[in-house]
C-alpha atoms as a PDB file:
ATOM      1  CA  GLN A   1       3.499   1.109  16.781  1.00  0.00           C
ATOM      2  CA  ILE A   2       5.218   2.921  13.634  1.00  0.00           C
ATOM      3  CA  ALA A   3       4.607   6.032  12.352  1.00  0.00           C
ATOM      4  CA  THR A   4       7.211   6.292   9.421  1.00  0.00           C
ATOM      5  CA  LEU A   5       9.133   3.391   7.281  1.00  0.00           C
ATOM      6  CA  PRO A   6      12.679   3.924   6.681  1.00  0.00           C
ATOM      7  CA  GLY A   7      13.244   4.594   3.307  1.00  0.00           C
ATOM      8  CA  MET A   8      15.820   1.739   2.697  1.00  0.00           C
ATOM      9  CA  ILE A   9      12.496  -0.696   3.021  1.00  0.00           C
ATOM     10  CA  ALA A  10      13.100  -1.080  -0.372  1.00  0.00           C
ATOM     11  CA  ARG A  11      16.796  -2.710  -0.268  1.00  0.00           C
ATOM     12  CA  LEU A  12      13.630  -6.145   0.311  1.00  0.00           C
ATOM     13  CA  SER A  13      13.733  -6.708  -2.997  1.00  0.00           C
ATOM     14  CA  THR A  14      12.564 -10.601  -2.440  1.00  0.00           C
ATOM     15  CA  LEU A  15      10.127  -9.545   0.112  1.00  0.00           C
ATOM     16  CA  LYS A  16       6.679 -11.370  -0.744  1.00  0.00           C
ATOM     17  CA  SER A  17       3.692 -10.177   1.685  1.00  0.00           C
ATOM     18  CA  LEU A  18       4.520  -6.871   4.176  1.00  0.00           C
ATOM     19  CA  ALA A  19       2.236  -6.556   7.159  1.00  0.00           C
ATOM     20  CA  LEU A  20       1.754  -2.606   8.540  1.00  0.00           C
ATOM     21  CA  ASP A  21      -1.593  -3.006  10.331  1.00  0.00           C
ATOM     22  CA  ASN A  22      -2.705  -1.406  13.279  1.00  0.00           C
ATOM     23  CA  ASN A  23       0.012   0.702  13.411  1.00  0.00           C
ATOM     24  CA  ALA A  24      -0.146   5.579  13.290  1.00  0.00           C
ATOM     25  CA  ILE A  25       1.615   5.671   9.395  1.00  0.00           C
ATOM     26  CA  SER A  26      -0.065   8.468   7.717  1.00  0.00           C
ATOM     27  CA  GLY A  27       2.764   8.319   3.859  1.00  0.00           C
ATOM     28  CA  LEU A  28       4.316   5.070   2.771  1.00  0.00           C
ATOM     29  CA  SER A  29       7.848   5.537   1.484  1.00  0.00           C
ATOM     30  CA  PRO A  30       7.952   5.702  -2.267  1.00  0.00           C
ATOM     31  CA  GLY A  31      10.397   2.540  -1.232  1.00  0.00           C
ATOM     32  CA  VAL A  32       7.466   0.340  -1.293  1.00  0.00           C
ATOM     33  CA  CYS A  33       7.117   0.939  -4.593  1.00  0.00           C
ATOM     34  CA  GLU A  34      10.268  -0.428  -6.061  1.00  0.00           C
ATOM     35  CA  LEU A  35       9.692  -4.562  -4.174  1.00  0.00           C
ATOM     36  CA  GLY A  36       8.710  -5.516  -7.426  1.00  0.00           C
ATOM     37  CA  SER A  37       8.504  -9.629  -6.039  1.00  0.00           C
ATOM     38  CA  LEU A  38       5.525  -8.202  -3.359  1.00  0.00           C
ATOM     39  CA  GLU A  39       2.557  -9.928  -3.861  1.00  0.00           C
ATOM     40  CA  ARG A  40       0.242  -8.956  -0.298  1.00  0.00           C
ATOM     41  CA  LEU A  41       0.572  -5.300   0.870  1.00  0.00           C
ATOM     42  CA  THR A  42      -1.884  -4.523   4.117  1.00  0.00           C
ATOM     43  CA  LEU A  43      -2.149  -1.760   5.841  1.00  0.00           C
ATOM     44  CA  ASP A  44      -5.120  -1.442   7.795  1.00  0.00           C
ATOM     45  CA  ASN A  45      -5.651   0.612  10.330  1.00  0.00           C
ATOM     46  CA  ASN A  46      -3.132   3.361   9.738  1.00  0.00           C
ATOM     47  CA  GLN A  47      -3.746   6.905   9.434  1.00  0.00           C
ATOM     48  CA  LEU A  48      -2.661   7.078   5.163  1.00  0.00           C
ATOM     49  CA  ARG A  49      -4.190  10.247   4.036  1.00  0.00           C
ATOM     50  CA  PHE A  50      -2.499   8.487   0.045  1.00  0.00           C
ATOM     51  CA  LEU A  51      -0.802   6.057  -1.296  1.00  0.00           C
ATOM     52  CA  PRO A  52       2.355   6.371  -3.473  1.00  0.00           C
ATOM     53  CA  PRO A  53       1.486   7.911  -7.256  1.00  0.00           C
ATOM     54  CA  ARG A  54       3.385   4.635  -8.335  1.00  0.00           C
ATOM     55  CA  LEU A  55       1.971   1.726  -6.839  1.00  0.00           C
ATOM     56  CA  GLY A  56       1.081   0.185  -9.787  1.00  0.00           C
ATOM     57  CA  ASP A  57       5.260  -0.338 -10.343  1.00  0.00           C
ATOM     58  CA  LEU A  58       3.983  -3.104  -7.991  1.00  0.00           C
ATOM     59  CA  GLN A  59       3.133  -5.897 -10.407  1.00  0.00           C
ATOM     60  CA  ASN A  60       3.158  -8.854  -8.092  1.00  0.00           C
ATOM     61  CA  LEU A  61       0.921  -7.671  -6.944  1.00  0.00           C
ATOM     62  CA  THR A  62      -2.537 -10.342  -5.972  1.00  0.00           C
ATOM     63  CA  LEU A  63      -3.819  -8.179  -2.717  1.00  0.00           C
ATOM     64  CA  LEU A  64      -3.790  -4.378  -1.160  1.00  0.00           C
ATOM     65  CA  SER A  65      -5.838  -3.892   1.826  1.00  0.00           C
ATOM     66  CA  ALA A  66      -5.889  -0.528   3.224  1.00  0.00           C
ATOM     67  CA  ALA A  67      -9.251  -0.359   5.172  1.00  0.00           C
ATOM     68  CA  ASN A  68     -10.535   2.104   7.971  1.00  0.00           C
ATOM     69  CA  ASN A  69      -7.651   4.777   7.254  1.00  0.00           C
ATOM     70  CA  ARG A  70      -8.163   8.424   5.783  1.00  0.00           C
ATOM     71  CA  LEU A  71      -8.239   7.647   1.730  1.00  0.00           C
ATOM     72  CA  THR A  72     -10.204  10.153  -0.261  1.00  0.00           C
ATOM     73  CA  MET A  73      -9.066   8.805  -3.556  1.00  0.00           C
ATOM     74  CA  LEU A  74      -6.328   5.899  -4.791  1.00  0.00           C
ATOM     75  CA  PRO A  75      -3.882   6.576  -7.487  1.00  0.00           C
ATOM     76  CA  ALA A  76      -4.166   5.600 -11.128  1.00  0.00           C
ATOM     77  CA  SER A  77      -1.525   3.699 -11.761  1.00  0.00           C
ATOM     78  CA  LEU A  78      -3.428   0.592  -9.648  1.00  0.00           C
ATOM     79  CA  ALA A  79      -5.529   0.279 -12.623  1.00  0.00           C
ATOM     80  CA  SER A  80      -2.548  -1.016 -14.443  1.00  0.00           C
ATOM     81  CA  VAL A  81      -2.249  -3.436 -11.567  1.00  0.00           C
ATOM     82  CA  ALA A  82      -3.099  -7.028 -14.080  1.00  0.00           C
ATOM     83  CA  SER A  83      -2.357  -9.270 -10.706  1.00  0.00           C
ATOM     84  CA  LEU A  84      -4.994  -7.441  -8.389  1.00  0.00           C
ATOM     85  CA  ARG A  85      -7.231  -9.568  -7.022  1.00  0.00           C
ATOM     86  CA  THR A  86      -8.798  -8.680  -4.321  1.00  0.00           C
ATOM     87  CA  VAL A  87      -8.175  -5.118  -2.638  1.00  0.00           C
ATOM     88  CA  SER A  88     -10.479  -4.161   0.903  1.00  0.00           C
ATOM     89  CA  LEU A  89     -10.863  -0.246   1.572  1.00  0.00           C
ATOM     90  CA  LEU A  90     -13.424  -0.325   3.779  1.00  0.00           C
ATOM     91  CA  GLY A  91     -14.236   2.238   6.022  1.00  0.00           C
ATOM     92  CA  ASN A  92     -12.171   5.340   4.151  1.00  0.00           C
ATOM     93  CA  PRO A  93     -13.775   8.311   2.558  1.00  0.00           C
ATOM     94  CA  LEU A  94     -13.158   7.844  -0.885  1.00  0.00           C
ATOM     95  CA  ALA A  95     -14.359  10.388  -3.197  1.00  0.00           C
ATOM     96  CA  PRO A  96     -16.924   8.432  -5.476  1.00  0.00           C
END
C-alpha cells in the first residue's frame, strides 16, 4: 500500500489511466493535476479527505472514481471538465 504519490508523477504527461485504488492515500500530489492526457482516475478505498483544487485542469478526464474515502467536498474546478462522463463518490461523507 502506498500513502503518498511522488511529485514527479507530473512527468508522465502522456498517461491516460491512473488506478490508485485500495491504498492509504490521504492527499493527492498537485502533480496529478498536470497529467493533461489523463482520461481515467480511480482512487477508491483510500483515506482521501480532499481532492486537489486544480483537478479541473484535467480537461480530458472522462471517469473519476473516488468511492469510499473521507471526502466532504469537491473542488469547484471539477465542474469545468466538459469531458467528464462518470463520477463515483459513494461512501463519502459529502456535505449536501
